């Protein structure tokens, strides 16, 4: 009985904590604003939030960057350090947004801002076999690089929101917050299942526009 009550209390506490995280209103502290000014970044505008932090768009000399700031409610206190480490590793493979600045103590990571739409939106609007082939061939090339390097993203698939497609059909894999080089890799297999399995709306659209996708991607 004690164990049941303990588990229920723990579950309830996690629910409350998760609710607080998703309800927090993103804002930049005076310390973060001062850090941005000191490093030449200006005009911050809110982009998105998650369980561990929020992302802001900033300007530096006419060039735009994405700033990820760890929020005070985060239970993953080494999130910025871990993500920066993994991002630098995948950058060497030509994958992910390029890291521009990192401050572990301040809980800040600055990356190139990706001008793109989620892969799911890109697939929905894609009607050209050449375009579909070009974009997905590039994507699977990046996924294979991650698999070969032993880095598992951990948050691919599903709504496909962690893959952005830029003009020219250039994919960028983002959000390496939960990536790992310890666990087994499932990057190619995960996206292959979602896009080429024939069971999801995304895969049905891909195979409609590019029928021999599985064969031509050489699995």
N, C-alpha and C. Protein backbone atom coordinates (compact mmCIF):
# COMPACT_ATOMS: atom_id res chain seq x y z
N UNK A 1 0.83 -1.21 0.00
CA UNK A 1 0.00 0.00 0.00
C UNK A 1 0.87 1.26 0.00
N UNK A 2 1.95 1.23 0.83
CA UNK A 2 2.84 2.39 0.86
C UNK A 2 3.45 2.66 -0.51
N UNK A 3 3.85 1.58 -1.18
CA UNK A 3 4.48 1.73 -2.49
C UNK A 3 3.50 2.34 -3.48
N UNK A 4 2.23 1.91 -3.42
CA UNK A 4 1.22 2.45 -4.33
C UNK A 4 1.03 3.94 -4.07
N UNK A 5 0.91 4.32 -2.77
CA UNK A 5 0.74 5.72 -2.45
C UNK A 5 1.95 6.54 -2.85
N UNK A 6 3.15 5.96 -2.65
CA UNK A 6 4.38 6.65 -3.03
C UNK A 6 4.43 6.89 -4.53
N UNK A 7 4.07 5.87 -5.31
CA UNK A 7 4.08 6.01 -6.77
C UNK A 7 3.06 7.03 -7.24
N UNK A 8 1.88 7.02 -6.60
CA UNK A 8 0.85 7.99 -6.97
C UNK A 8 1.28 9.41 -6.64
N UNK A 9 1.91 9.57 -5.48
CA UNK A 9 2.39 10.90 -5.10
C UNK A 9 3.47 11.39 -6.05
N UNK A 10 4.38 10.49 -6.40
CA UNK A 10 5.45 10.84 -7.34
C UNK A 10 4.88 11.23 -8.69
N UNK A 11 3.90 10.44 -9.15
CA UNK A 11 3.25 10.72 -10.44
C UNK A 11 2.57 12.08 -10.39
N UNK A 12 1.88 12.36 -9.27
CA UNK A 12 1.17 13.62 -9.12
C UNK A 12 2.14 14.79 -9.12
N UNK A 13 3.28 14.63 -8.44
CA UNK A 13 4.28 15.69 -8.40
C UNK A 13 4.85 15.96 -9.79
N UNK A 14 5.07 14.91 -10.55
CA UNK A 14 5.59 15.07 -11.91
C UNK A 14 4.58 15.79 -12.79
N UNK A 15 3.28 15.46 -12.61
CA UNK A 15 2.24 16.12 -13.38
C UNK A 15 2.21 17.61 -13.06
N UNK A 16 2.29 17.94 -11.78
CA UNK A 16 2.27 19.35 -11.37
C UNK A 16 3.49 20.08 -11.92
N UNK A 17 4.66 19.43 -11.83
CA UNK A 17 5.90 20.04 -12.33
C UNK A 17 5.81 20.27 -13.84
N UNK A 18 5.33 19.28 -14.58
CA UNK A 18 5.20 19.41 -16.03
C UNK A 18 4.22 20.53 -16.38
N UNK A 19 3.14 20.63 -15.61
CA UNK A 19 2.16 21.69 -15.86
C UNK A 19 2.79 23.06 -15.65
N UNK A 20 3.56 23.20 -14.57
CA UNK A 20 4.22 24.47 -14.31
C UNK A 20 5.17 24.85 -15.43
N UNK A 21 5.90 23.84 -15.92
CA UNK A 21 6.87 24.08 -16.99
C UNK A 21 6.18 24.60 -18.24
N UNK A 22 5.10 23.94 -18.65
CA UNK A 22 4.44 24.32 -19.89
C UNK A 22 3.63 25.61 -19.75
N UNK A 23 3.31 26.00 -18.48
CA UNK A 23 2.54 27.21 -18.26
C UNK A 23 3.43 28.44 -18.06
N UNK A 24 4.75 28.24 -17.91
CA UNK A 24 5.58 29.40 -17.64
C UNK A 24 5.61 30.34 -18.84
N UNK A 25 5.65 31.63 -18.53
CA UNK A 25 5.67 32.63 -19.58
C UNK A 25 7.11 32.99 -19.89
N UNK A 26 7.57 32.70 -21.09
CA UNK A 26 8.96 32.95 -21.43
C UNK A 26 9.32 34.43 -21.31
N UNK A 27 10.42 34.69 -20.69
CA UNK A 27 10.95 36.04 -20.60
C UNK A 27 12.46 35.93 -20.40
N UNK A 28 13.15 36.93 -20.83
CA UNK A 28 14.61 36.94 -20.68
C UNK A 28 14.97 37.73 -19.43
N UNK A 29 15.76 37.13 -18.57
CA UNK A 29 16.17 37.79 -17.34
C UNK A 29 17.12 38.95 -17.67
N UNK A 30 17.26 39.89 -16.74
CA UNK A 30 18.22 40.98 -16.96
C UNK A 30 19.63 40.47 -17.22
N UNK A 31 19.99 39.35 -16.56
CA UNK A 31 21.33 38.77 -16.75
C UNK A 31 21.52 38.26 -18.18
N UNK A 32 20.49 37.59 -18.71
CA UNK A 32 20.57 37.08 -20.08
C UNK A 32 20.59 38.24 -21.07
N UNK A 33 19.74 39.24 -20.84
CA UNK A 33 19.72 40.41 -21.73
C UNK A 33 21.08 41.10 -21.74
N UNK A 34 21.69 41.21 -20.57
CA UNK A 34 23.02 41.83 -20.48
C UNK A 34 24.04 40.99 -21.24
N UNK A 35 23.93 39.66 -21.12
CA UNK A 35 24.86 38.77 -21.83
C UNK A 35 24.73 38.96 -23.35
N UNK A 36 23.49 39.06 -23.82
CA UNK A 36 23.26 39.23 -25.25
C UNK A 36 23.87 40.53 -25.75
N UNK A 37 23.64 41.62 -25.01
CA UNK A 37 24.19 42.92 -25.40
C UNK A 37 25.71 42.87 -25.41
N UNK A 38 26.29 42.26 -24.38
CA UNK A 38 27.74 42.15 -24.27
C UNK A 38 28.35 41.41 -25.46
N UNK A 39 27.62 40.43 -25.98
CA UNK A 39 28.13 39.63 -27.09
C UNK A 39 27.62 40.09 -28.45
N UNK A 40 26.99 41.27 -28.49
CA UNK A 40 26.61 41.87 -29.76
C UNK A 40 25.28 41.44 -30.34
N UNK A 41 24.44 40.78 -29.53
CA UNK A 41 23.13 40.34 -30.01
C UNK A 41 22.05 41.33 -29.59
N UNK A 42 21.08 41.55 -30.48
CA UNK A 42 20.04 42.52 -30.19
C UNK A 42 18.69 42.04 -30.71
N UNK A 43 17.65 42.81 -30.38
CA UNK A 43 16.28 42.60 -30.87
C UNK A 43 15.76 41.19 -30.64
N UNK A 44 15.81 40.68 -29.39
CA UNK A 44 15.30 39.32 -29.16
C UNK A 44 13.78 39.23 -29.34
N UNK A 45 13.33 38.19 -30.02
CA UNK A 45 11.90 37.93 -30.17
C UNK A 45 11.65 36.45 -29.93
N UNK A 46 10.60 36.16 -29.19
CA UNK A 46 10.32 34.79 -28.77
C UNK A 46 9.92 33.90 -29.96
N UNK A 47 10.47 32.67 -29.98
CA UNK A 47 10.15 31.71 -31.04
C UNK A 47 9.38 30.50 -30.52
N UNK A 48 9.89 29.86 -29.47
CA UNK A 48 9.27 28.62 -29.01
C UNK A 48 9.74 28.30 -27.59
N UNK A 49 9.00 27.39 -26.92
CA UNK A 49 9.41 26.94 -25.60
C UNK A 49 9.22 25.43 -25.49
N UNK A 50 9.97 24.84 -24.56
CA UNK A 50 9.86 23.42 -24.30
C UNK A 50 9.98 23.18 -22.81
N UNK A 51 10.20 21.92 -22.43
CA UNK A 51 10.26 21.59 -21.01
C UNK A 51 11.53 22.10 -20.33
N UNK A 52 12.59 22.28 -21.11
CA UNK A 52 13.86 22.67 -20.51
C UNK A 52 14.28 24.10 -20.80
N UNK A 53 13.67 24.73 -21.77
CA UNK A 53 14.10 26.08 -22.10
C UNK A 53 13.23 26.72 -23.16
N UNK A 54 13.62 27.93 -23.53
CA UNK A 54 12.90 28.67 -24.57
C UNK A 54 13.91 29.14 -25.62
N UNK A 55 13.41 29.39 -26.82
CA UNK A 55 14.26 29.80 -27.94
C UNK A 55 13.82 31.18 -28.42
N UNK A 56 14.82 32.01 -28.65
CA UNK A 56 14.57 33.38 -29.09
C UNK A 56 15.35 33.68 -30.36
N UNK A 57 14.80 34.52 -31.18
CA UNK A 57 15.48 34.98 -32.39
C UNK A 57 16.19 36.29 -32.06
N UNK A 58 17.46 36.39 -32.44
CA UNK A 58 18.22 37.61 -32.18
C UNK A 58 18.97 38.02 -33.44
N UNK A 59 19.40 39.26 -33.44
CA UNK A 59 20.12 39.83 -34.58
C UNK A 59 21.54 40.18 -34.15
N UNK A 60 22.48 39.92 -35.04
CA UNK A 60 23.86 40.34 -34.81
C UNK A 60 24.45 40.80 -36.13
N UNK A 61 24.54 42.09 -36.30
CA UNK A 61 25.10 42.64 -37.53
C UNK A 61 24.31 42.29 -38.77
N UNK A 62 22.99 42.19 -38.64
CA UNK A 62 22.14 41.87 -39.78
C UNK A 62 21.99 40.39 -40.05
N UNK A 63 22.60 39.58 -39.23
CA UNK A 63 22.47 38.12 -39.35
C UNK A 63 21.67 37.59 -38.17
N UNK A 64 20.76 36.67 -38.44
CA UNK A 64 19.88 36.17 -37.39
C UNK A 64 20.37 34.85 -36.79
N UNK A 65 20.18 34.74 -35.49
CA UNK A 65 20.56 33.54 -34.75
C UNK A 65 19.41 33.09 -33.85
N UNK A 66 19.48 31.84 -33.43
CA UNK A 66 18.54 31.31 -32.45
C UNK A 66 19.27 31.16 -31.12
N UNK A 67 18.70 31.71 -30.07
CA UNK A 67 19.29 31.63 -28.73
C UNK A 67 18.41 30.73 -27.87
N UNK A 68 18.98 29.66 -27.36
CA UNK A 68 18.25 28.76 -26.47
C UNK A 68 18.70 29.05 -25.04
N UNK A 69 17.72 29.34 -24.19
CA UNK A 69 18.01 29.70 -22.80
C UNK A 69 17.33 28.70 -21.88
N UNK A 70 18.11 28.11 -21.01
CA UNK A 70 17.58 27.16 -20.04
C UNK A 70 16.74 27.92 -19.01
N UNK A 71 15.51 27.42 -18.74
CA UNK A 71 14.67 28.14 -17.79
C UNK A 71 14.80 27.59 -16.37
N UNK A 72 14.36 28.39 -15.43
CA UNK A 72 14.59 28.08 -14.02
C UNK A 72 13.87 26.83 -13.54
N UNK A 73 12.82 26.40 -14.25
CA UNK A 73 12.06 25.22 -13.83
C UNK A 73 12.66 23.92 -14.37
N UNK A 74 13.68 24.02 -15.19
CA UNK A 74 14.24 22.83 -15.82
C UNK A 74 14.83 21.88 -14.78
N UNK A 75 14.54 20.59 -14.96
CA UNK A 75 15.14 19.57 -14.09
C UNK A 75 16.41 19.00 -14.72
N UNK A 76 16.72 19.44 -15.91
CA UNK A 76 17.91 18.96 -16.62
C UNK A 76 18.95 20.07 -16.60
N UNK A 77 19.64 20.23 -15.48
CA UNK A 77 20.51 21.37 -15.27
C UNK A 77 21.75 21.36 -16.16
N UNK A 78 22.06 20.24 -16.75
CA UNK A 78 23.22 20.20 -17.66
C UNK A 78 22.76 20.16 -19.11
N UNK A 79 21.51 20.57 -19.34
CA UNK A 79 20.94 20.47 -20.68
C UNK A 79 21.74 21.25 -21.71
N UNK A 80 22.07 22.51 -21.40
CA UNK A 80 22.81 23.34 -22.35
C UNK A 80 24.18 22.75 -22.63
N UNK A 81 24.87 22.32 -21.59
CA UNK A 81 26.20 21.73 -21.75
C UNK A 81 26.15 20.49 -22.64
N UNK A 82 25.18 19.62 -22.38
CA UNK A 82 25.06 18.38 -23.15
C UNK A 82 24.67 18.66 -24.60
N UNK A 83 23.72 19.57 -24.79
CA UNK A 83 23.30 19.87 -26.16
C UNK A 83 24.41 20.54 -26.95
N UNK A 84 25.14 21.44 -26.31
CA UNK A 84 26.25 22.11 -27.00
C UNK A 84 27.31 21.10 -27.42
N UNK A 85 27.61 20.15 -26.54
CA UNK A 85 28.60 19.12 -26.85
C UNK A 85 28.16 18.29 -28.05
N UNK A 86 26.88 17.85 -28.03
CA UNK A 86 26.39 17.02 -29.13
C UNK A 86 26.29 17.82 -30.43
N UNK A 87 25.87 19.09 -30.31
CA UNK A 87 25.76 19.91 -31.51
C UNK A 87 27.12 20.12 -32.18
N UNK A 88 28.14 20.35 -31.37
CA UNK A 88 29.47 20.52 -31.94
C UNK A 88 29.95 19.24 -32.62
N UNK A 89 29.58 18.10 -32.05
CA UNK A 89 29.94 16.83 -32.66
C UNK A 89 29.25 16.65 -34.01
N UNK A 90 27.95 16.93 -34.07
CA UNK A 90 27.22 16.73 -35.32
C UNK A 90 27.56 17.81 -36.34
N UNK A 91 27.94 19.00 -35.87
CA UNK A 91 28.39 20.05 -36.80
C UNK A 91 29.59 19.58 -37.61
N UNK A 92 30.47 18.78 -36.99
CA UNK A 92 31.63 18.25 -37.69
C UNK A 92 31.23 17.28 -38.80
N UNK A 93 30.00 16.77 -38.71
CA UNK A 93 29.48 15.86 -39.73
C UNK A 93 28.69 16.62 -40.79
N UNK A 94 28.56 17.93 -40.63
CA UNK A 94 27.73 18.71 -41.54
C UNK A 94 26.25 18.59 -41.22
N UNK A 95 25.94 18.34 -39.95
CA UNK A 95 24.55 18.14 -39.52
C UNK A 95 24.20 19.16 -38.44
N UNK A 96 22.94 19.62 -38.44
CA UNK A 96 22.44 20.49 -37.39
C UNK A 96 22.80 21.95 -37.60
N UNK A 97 22.11 22.84 -36.87
CA UNK A 97 22.44 24.27 -36.93
C UNK A 97 23.80 24.51 -36.30
N UNK A 98 24.60 25.35 -36.93
CA UNK A 98 25.96 25.58 -36.45
C UNK A 98 25.97 26.37 -35.15
N UNK A 99 26.77 25.91 -34.19
CA UNK A 99 26.90 26.59 -32.91
C UNK A 99 27.73 27.87 -33.09
N UNK A 100 27.20 28.98 -32.55
CA UNK A 100 27.92 30.25 -32.62
C UNK A 100 28.53 30.64 -31.29
N UNK A 101 27.78 30.47 -30.20
CA UNK A 101 28.26 30.84 -28.87
C UNK A 101 27.65 29.90 -27.84
N UNK A 102 28.39 29.65 -26.77
CA UNK A 102 27.88 28.85 -25.65
C UNK A 102 28.38 29.45 -24.35
N UNK A 103 27.48 29.55 -23.37
CA UNK A 103 27.87 29.94 -22.02
C UNK A 103 27.17 28.98 -21.07
N UNK A 104 27.92 28.00 -20.58
CA UNK A 104 27.34 26.95 -19.73
C UNK A 104 26.79 27.54 -18.44
N UNK A 105 27.55 28.43 -17.82
CA UNK A 105 27.13 29.00 -16.54
C UNK A 105 25.85 29.81 -16.69
N UNK A 106 25.71 30.52 -17.79
CA UNK A 106 24.53 31.35 -18.02
C UNK A 106 23.36 30.54 -18.58
N UNK A 107 23.65 29.30 -18.99
CA UNK A 107 22.59 28.47 -19.56
C UNK A 107 22.14 28.94 -20.92
N UNK A 108 23.10 29.31 -21.77
CA UNK A 108 22.80 29.90 -23.08
C UNK A 108 23.56 29.17 -24.18
N UNK A 109 22.87 28.89 -25.26
CA UNK A 109 23.52 28.39 -26.47
C UNK A 109 22.97 29.16 -27.66
N UNK A 110 23.86 29.66 -28.51
CA UNK A 110 23.48 30.43 -29.70
C UNK A 110 23.82 29.61 -30.94
N UNK A 111 22.83 29.50 -31.83
CA UNK A 111 22.99 28.71 -33.05
C UNK A 111 22.54 29.51 -34.26
N UNK A 112 22.96 29.09 -35.44
CA UNK A 112 22.42 29.68 -36.65
C UNK A 112 20.90 29.48 -36.66
N UNK A 113 20.18 30.51 -37.06
CA UNK A 113 18.73 30.40 -37.18
C UNK A 113 18.39 29.71 -38.49
N UNK A 114 17.60 28.66 -38.41
CA UNK A 114 17.22 27.90 -39.60
C UNK A 114 15.93 28.48 -40.18
N UNK A 115 16.00 28.93 -41.41
CA UNK A 115 14.82 29.45 -42.11
C UNK A 115 14.16 28.29 -42.83
N UNK A 116 13.21 27.65 -42.18
CA UNK A 116 12.60 26.48 -42.79
C UNK A 116 11.25 26.15 -42.21
N UNK A 117 10.61 25.15 -42.79
CA UNK A 117 9.31 24.67 -42.32
C UNK A 117 9.46 23.23 -41.86
N UNK A 118 8.60 22.76 -40.95
CA UNK A 118 8.68 21.36 -40.53
C UNK A 118 8.56 20.41 -41.71
N UNK A 119 9.27 19.29 -41.62
CA UNK A 119 9.27 18.30 -42.69
C UNK A 119 7.86 17.88 -43.06
N UNK A 120 6.97 17.75 -42.07
CA UNK A 120 5.60 17.33 -42.35
C UNK A 120 4.89 18.32 -43.27
N UNK A 121 5.10 19.62 -43.06
CA UNK A 121 4.49 20.64 -43.93
C UNK A 121 5.08 20.59 -45.33
N UNK A 122 6.38 20.38 -45.38
CA UNK A 122 7.07 20.30 -46.69
C UNK A 122 6.53 19.13 -47.50
N UNK A 123 6.36 17.98 -46.85
CA UNK A 123 5.84 16.80 -47.54
C UNK A 123 4.43 17.05 -48.03
N UNK A 124 3.62 17.68 -47.20
CA UNK A 124 2.23 17.94 -47.56
C UNK A 124 2.11 18.79 -48.82
N UNK A 125 3.04 19.75 -48.97
CA UNK A 125 2.97 20.66 -50.12
C UNK A 125 3.77 20.18 -51.32
N UNK A 126 4.58 19.16 -51.14
CA UNK A 126 5.45 18.69 -52.23
C UNK A 126 4.65 17.86 -53.24
N UNK A 127 4.71 18.26 -54.51
CA UNK A 127 4.01 17.54 -55.56
C UNK A 127 4.95 17.05 -56.66
N UNK A 128 6.22 17.36 -56.53
CA UNK A 128 7.21 17.02 -57.55
C UNK A 128 8.06 15.85 -57.11
N UNK A 129 8.18 14.84 -57.96
CA UNK A 129 9.04 13.70 -57.64
C UNK A 129 10.49 14.14 -57.47
N UNK A 130 10.96 15.04 -58.34
CA UNK A 130 12.34 15.52 -58.24
C UNK A 130 12.59 16.21 -56.91
N UNK A 131 11.64 17.03 -56.49
CA UNK A 131 11.79 17.74 -55.22
C UNK A 131 11.78 16.77 -54.04
N UNK A 132 10.86 15.81 -54.07
CA UNK A 132 10.78 14.83 -52.99
C UNK A 132 12.06 14.01 -52.91
N UNK A 133 12.54 13.57 -54.06
CA UNK A 133 13.76 12.77 -54.11
C UNK A 133 14.96 13.57 -53.60
N UNK A 134 15.05 14.81 -54.03
CA UNK A 134 16.18 15.65 -53.64
C UNK A 134 16.19 15.89 -52.12
N UNK A 135 15.05 16.28 -51.57
CA UNK A 135 14.98 16.59 -50.15
C UNK A 135 15.21 15.38 -49.26
N UNK A 136 14.57 14.25 -49.59
CA UNK A 136 14.69 13.07 -48.73
C UNK A 136 16.04 12.38 -48.88
N UNK A 137 16.63 12.44 -50.07
CA UNK A 137 17.98 11.88 -50.24
C UNK A 137 18.97 12.63 -49.36
N UNK A 138 18.84 13.94 -49.31
CA UNK A 138 19.72 14.73 -48.45
C UNK A 138 19.47 14.43 -46.98
N UNK A 139 18.21 14.27 -46.61
CA UNK A 139 17.88 13.96 -45.23
C UNK A 139 18.46 12.62 -44.79
N UNK A 140 18.25 11.58 -45.58
CA UNK A 140 18.76 10.27 -45.20
C UNK A 140 20.28 10.22 -45.21
N UNK A 141 20.91 11.06 -46.01
CA UNK A 141 22.37 11.15 -45.97
C UNK A 141 22.83 11.66 -44.61
N UNK A 142 22.12 12.65 -44.07
CA UNK A 142 22.46 13.16 -42.74
C UNK A 142 22.17 12.12 -41.65
N UNK A 143 21.05 11.43 -41.78
CA UNK A 143 20.69 10.41 -40.79
C UNK A 143 21.72 9.28 -40.77
N UNK A 144 22.21 8.90 -41.92
CA UNK A 144 23.22 7.85 -41.99
C UNK A 144 24.53 8.31 -41.34
N UNK A 145 24.87 9.59 -41.51
CA UNK A 145 26.07 10.12 -40.86
C UNK A 145 25.96 10.03 -39.35
N UNK A 146 24.77 10.36 -38.82
CA UNK A 146 24.56 10.27 -37.37
C UNK A 146 24.66 8.83 -36.90
N UNK A 147 24.03 7.91 -37.64
CA UNK A 147 24.09 6.49 -37.26
C UNK A 147 25.54 5.99 -37.27
N UNK A 148 26.26 6.35 -38.31
CA UNK A 148 27.65 5.88 -38.44
C UNK A 148 28.51 6.42 -37.31
N UNK A 149 28.21 7.66 -36.87
CA UNK A 149 28.99 8.28 -35.79
C UNK A 149 28.54 7.79 -34.42
N UNK A 150 27.46 7.01 -34.37
CA UNK A 150 26.97 6.49 -33.09
C UNK A 150 26.19 7.49 -32.27
N UNK A 151 25.60 8.49 -32.94
CA UNK A 151 24.83 9.52 -32.24
C UNK A 151 23.35 9.34 -32.54
N UNK A 152 22.57 9.11 -31.50
CA UNK A 152 21.13 8.95 -31.66
C UNK A 152 20.43 10.24 -31.25
N UNK A 153 19.61 10.77 -32.14
CA UNK A 153 18.92 12.03 -31.86
C UNK A 153 17.91 11.87 -30.73
N UNK A 154 17.08 10.83 -30.82
CA UNK A 154 16.15 10.53 -29.75
C UNK A 154 14.79 11.16 -29.85
N UNK A 155 14.61 12.15 -30.74
CA UNK A 155 13.32 12.82 -30.86
C UNK A 155 12.92 13.03 -32.32
N UNK A 156 13.23 12.05 -33.13
CA UNK A 156 12.81 12.10 -34.53
C UNK A 156 11.51 11.30 -34.68
N UNK A 157 10.86 11.47 -35.81
CA UNK A 157 9.60 10.77 -36.00
C UNK A 157 8.45 11.59 -35.46
N UNK A 158 7.32 10.93 -35.25
CA UNK A 158 6.16 11.63 -34.72
C UNK A 158 5.68 12.72 -35.65
N UNK A 159 5.64 13.94 -35.12
CA UNK A 159 5.17 15.08 -35.92
C UNK A 159 6.25 15.63 -36.85
N UNK A 160 7.47 15.09 -36.76
CA UNK A 160 8.59 15.49 -37.62
C UNK A 160 8.98 16.96 -37.43
N UNK A 161 8.68 17.54 -36.26
CA UNK A 161 8.95 18.96 -36.04
C UNK A 161 10.42 19.26 -35.80
N UNK A 162 11.23 18.23 -35.59
CA UNK A 162 12.66 18.46 -35.36
C UNK A 162 13.49 18.35 -36.63
N UNK A 163 12.80 18.33 -37.76
CA UNK A 163 13.48 18.38 -39.06
C UNK A 163 12.86 19.52 -39.84
N UNK A 164 13.68 20.52 -40.18
CA UNK A 164 13.20 21.67 -40.93
C UNK A 164 13.72 21.62 -42.35
N UNK A 165 12.87 22.02 -43.28
CA UNK A 165 13.25 22.06 -44.70
C UNK A 165 13.34 23.51 -45.14
N UNK A 166 14.52 23.91 -45.59
CA UNK A 166 14.76 25.28 -46.02
C UNK A 166 14.56 25.40 -47.53
N UNK A 167 14.46 26.63 -48.04
CA UNK A 167 14.37 26.81 -49.49
C UNK A 167 15.51 26.09 -50.19
N UNK A 168 15.19 25.46 -51.32
CA UNK A 168 16.18 24.64 -52.00
C UNK A 168 16.16 23.21 -51.53
N UNK A 169 15.15 22.88 -50.69
CA UNK A 169 14.95 21.51 -50.21
C UNK A 169 16.14 21.00 -49.40
N UNK A 170 16.64 21.88 -48.54
CA UNK A 170 17.77 21.53 -47.69
C UNK A 170 17.28 21.21 -46.28
N UNK A 171 17.46 19.97 -45.82
CA UNK A 171 17.01 19.61 -44.47
C UNK A 171 18.01 20.00 -43.39
N UNK A 172 17.48 20.36 -42.24
CA UNK A 172 18.31 20.62 -41.07
C UNK A 172 17.66 19.92 -39.88
N UNK A 173 18.42 19.08 -39.22
CA UNK A 173 17.92 18.39 -38.02
C UNK A 173 18.25 19.28 -36.82
N UNK A 174 17.23 19.58 -36.02
CA UNK A 174 17.41 20.50 -34.90
C UNK A 174 17.11 19.82 -33.57
N UNK A 175 17.33 20.54 -32.49
CA UNK A 175 16.99 20.14 -31.12
C UNK A 175 17.66 18.82 -30.71
N UNK A 176 18.94 18.92 -30.38
CA UNK A 176 19.71 17.75 -29.94
C UNK A 176 19.77 17.66 -28.41
N UNK A 177 18.77 18.23 -27.77
CA UNK A 177 18.72 18.27 -26.31
C UNK A 177 18.77 16.88 -25.68
N UNK A 178 18.12 15.89 -26.32
CA UNK A 178 18.07 14.54 -25.75
C UNK A 178 18.89 13.56 -26.57
N UNK A 179 19.79 14.08 -27.40
CA UNK A 179 20.64 13.20 -28.20
C UNK A 179 21.64 12.47 -27.30
N UNK A 180 22.16 11.35 -27.80
CA UNK A 180 23.09 10.55 -27.01
C UNK A 180 24.06 9.80 -27.92
N UNK A 181 25.29 9.64 -27.43
CA UNK A 181 26.25 8.78 -28.13
C UNK A 181 26.51 7.51 -27.32
N UNK A 182 25.62 7.25 -26.36
CA UNK A 182 25.74 6.06 -25.51
C UNK A 182 24.75 4.98 -25.92
N UNK A 183 23.49 5.37 -26.08
CA UNK A 183 22.47 4.37 -26.44
C UNK A 183 22.57 3.99 -27.92
N UNK A 184 21.83 2.97 -28.31
CA UNK A 184 21.81 2.53 -29.70
C UNK A 184 21.21 3.58 -30.62
N UNK A 185 21.64 3.57 -31.87
CA UNK A 185 21.17 4.57 -32.83
C UNK A 185 19.94 4.07 -33.60
N UNK A 186 18.99 4.99 -33.79
CA UNK A 186 17.75 4.65 -34.49
C UNK A 186 17.31 5.78 -35.42
N UNK A 187 18.25 6.56 -35.90
CA UNK A 187 17.89 7.72 -36.72
C UNK A 187 17.29 7.30 -38.07
N UNK A 188 18.04 6.49 -38.82
CA UNK A 188 17.55 6.04 -40.12
C UNK A 188 16.30 5.20 -39.97
N UNK A 189 16.33 4.24 -39.07
CA UNK A 189 15.20 3.32 -38.92
C UNK A 189 13.93 4.05 -38.49
N UNK A 190 14.07 5.06 -37.65
CA UNK A 190 12.90 5.81 -37.18
C UNK A 190 12.24 6.57 -38.31
N UNK A 191 13.04 7.29 -39.08
CA UNK A 191 12.47 8.09 -40.16
C UNK A 191 12.03 7.20 -41.32
N UNK A 192 12.73 6.10 -41.54
CA UNK A 192 12.30 5.16 -42.56
C UNK A 192 10.91 4.62 -42.24
N UNK A 193 10.69 4.30 -40.98
CA UNK A 193 9.39 3.78 -40.55
C UNK A 193 8.28 4.82 -40.76
N UNK A 194 8.58 6.07 -40.41
CA UNK A 194 7.57 7.13 -40.50
C UNK A 194 7.29 7.54 -41.94
N UNK A 195 8.34 7.63 -42.76
CA UNK A 195 8.20 8.16 -44.11
C UNK A 195 8.02 7.12 -45.20
N UNK A 196 8.45 5.89 -44.95
CA UNK A 196 8.44 4.90 -46.03
C UNK A 196 7.71 3.62 -45.66
N UNK A 197 7.09 3.58 -44.50
CA UNK A 197 6.40 2.37 -44.06
C UNK A 197 5.06 2.15 -44.71
N UNK A 198 4.51 3.20 -45.31
CA UNK A 198 3.24 3.07 -46.02
C UNK A 198 2.01 3.11 -45.12
N UNK A 199 2.22 3.36 -43.81
CA UNK A 199 1.08 3.34 -42.89
C UNK A 199 0.65 4.72 -42.42
N UNK A 200 1.57 5.68 -42.40
CA UNK A 200 1.24 7.02 -41.94
C UNK A 200 0.84 7.90 -43.13
N UNK A 201 0.10 8.99 -42.88
CA UNK A 201 -0.23 9.92 -43.97
C UNK A 201 1.01 10.46 -44.66
N UNK A 202 2.08 10.69 -43.87
CA UNK A 202 3.32 11.20 -44.47
C UNK A 202 3.90 10.19 -45.45
N UNK A 203 3.96 8.92 -45.05
CA UNK A 203 4.56 7.91 -45.92
C UNK A 203 3.70 7.65 -47.14
N UNK A 204 2.40 7.71 -46.99
CA UNK A 204 1.51 7.52 -48.14
C UNK A 204 1.73 8.62 -49.17
N UNK A 205 1.93 9.86 -48.69
CA UNK A 205 2.18 10.97 -49.61
C UNK A 205 3.54 10.80 -50.29
N UNK A 206 4.56 10.43 -49.52
CA UNK A 206 5.90 10.24 -50.09
C UNK A 206 5.87 9.18 -51.19
N UNK A 207 5.25 8.04 -50.91
CA UNK A 207 5.22 6.94 -51.87
C UNK A 207 4.31 7.22 -53.06
N UNK A 208 3.35 8.14 -52.87
CA UNK A 208 2.50 8.55 -53.99
C UNK A 208 3.29 9.40 -54.97
N UNK A 209 4.07 10.32 -54.43
CA UNK A 209 4.85 11.23 -55.27
C UNK A 209 6.12 10.57 -55.80
N UNK A 210 6.73 9.72 -54.98
CA UNK A 210 8.00 9.07 -55.35
C UNK A 210 7.87 7.57 -55.07
N UNK A 211 7.19 6.81 -55.92
CA UNK A 211 6.90 5.39 -55.67
C UNK A 211 8.11 4.51 -55.37
N UNK A 212 9.21 4.65 -56.12
CA UNK A 212 10.36 3.75 -55.83
C UNK A 212 11.30 4.30 -54.77
N UNK A 213 10.79 5.08 -53.81
CA UNK A 213 11.65 5.73 -52.83
C UNK A 213 12.50 4.73 -52.05
N UNK A 214 11.89 3.63 -51.60
CA UNK A 214 12.61 2.66 -50.79
C UNK A 214 13.79 2.06 -51.56
N UNK A 215 13.53 1.70 -52.81
CA UNK A 215 14.60 1.09 -53.62
C UNK A 215 15.70 2.11 -53.94
N UNK A 216 15.30 3.32 -54.28
CA UNK A 216 16.29 4.30 -54.73
C UNK A 216 17.08 4.92 -53.58
N UNK A 217 16.57 4.78 -52.35
CA UNK A 217 17.34 5.24 -51.20
C UNK A 217 18.30 4.17 -50.70
N UNK A 218 18.25 2.98 -51.33
CA UNK A 218 19.22 1.90 -51.10
C UNK A 218 19.28 1.43 -49.64
N UNK A 219 18.16 1.01 -49.11
CA UNK A 219 18.14 0.43 -47.76
C UNK A 219 18.53 -1.05 -47.83
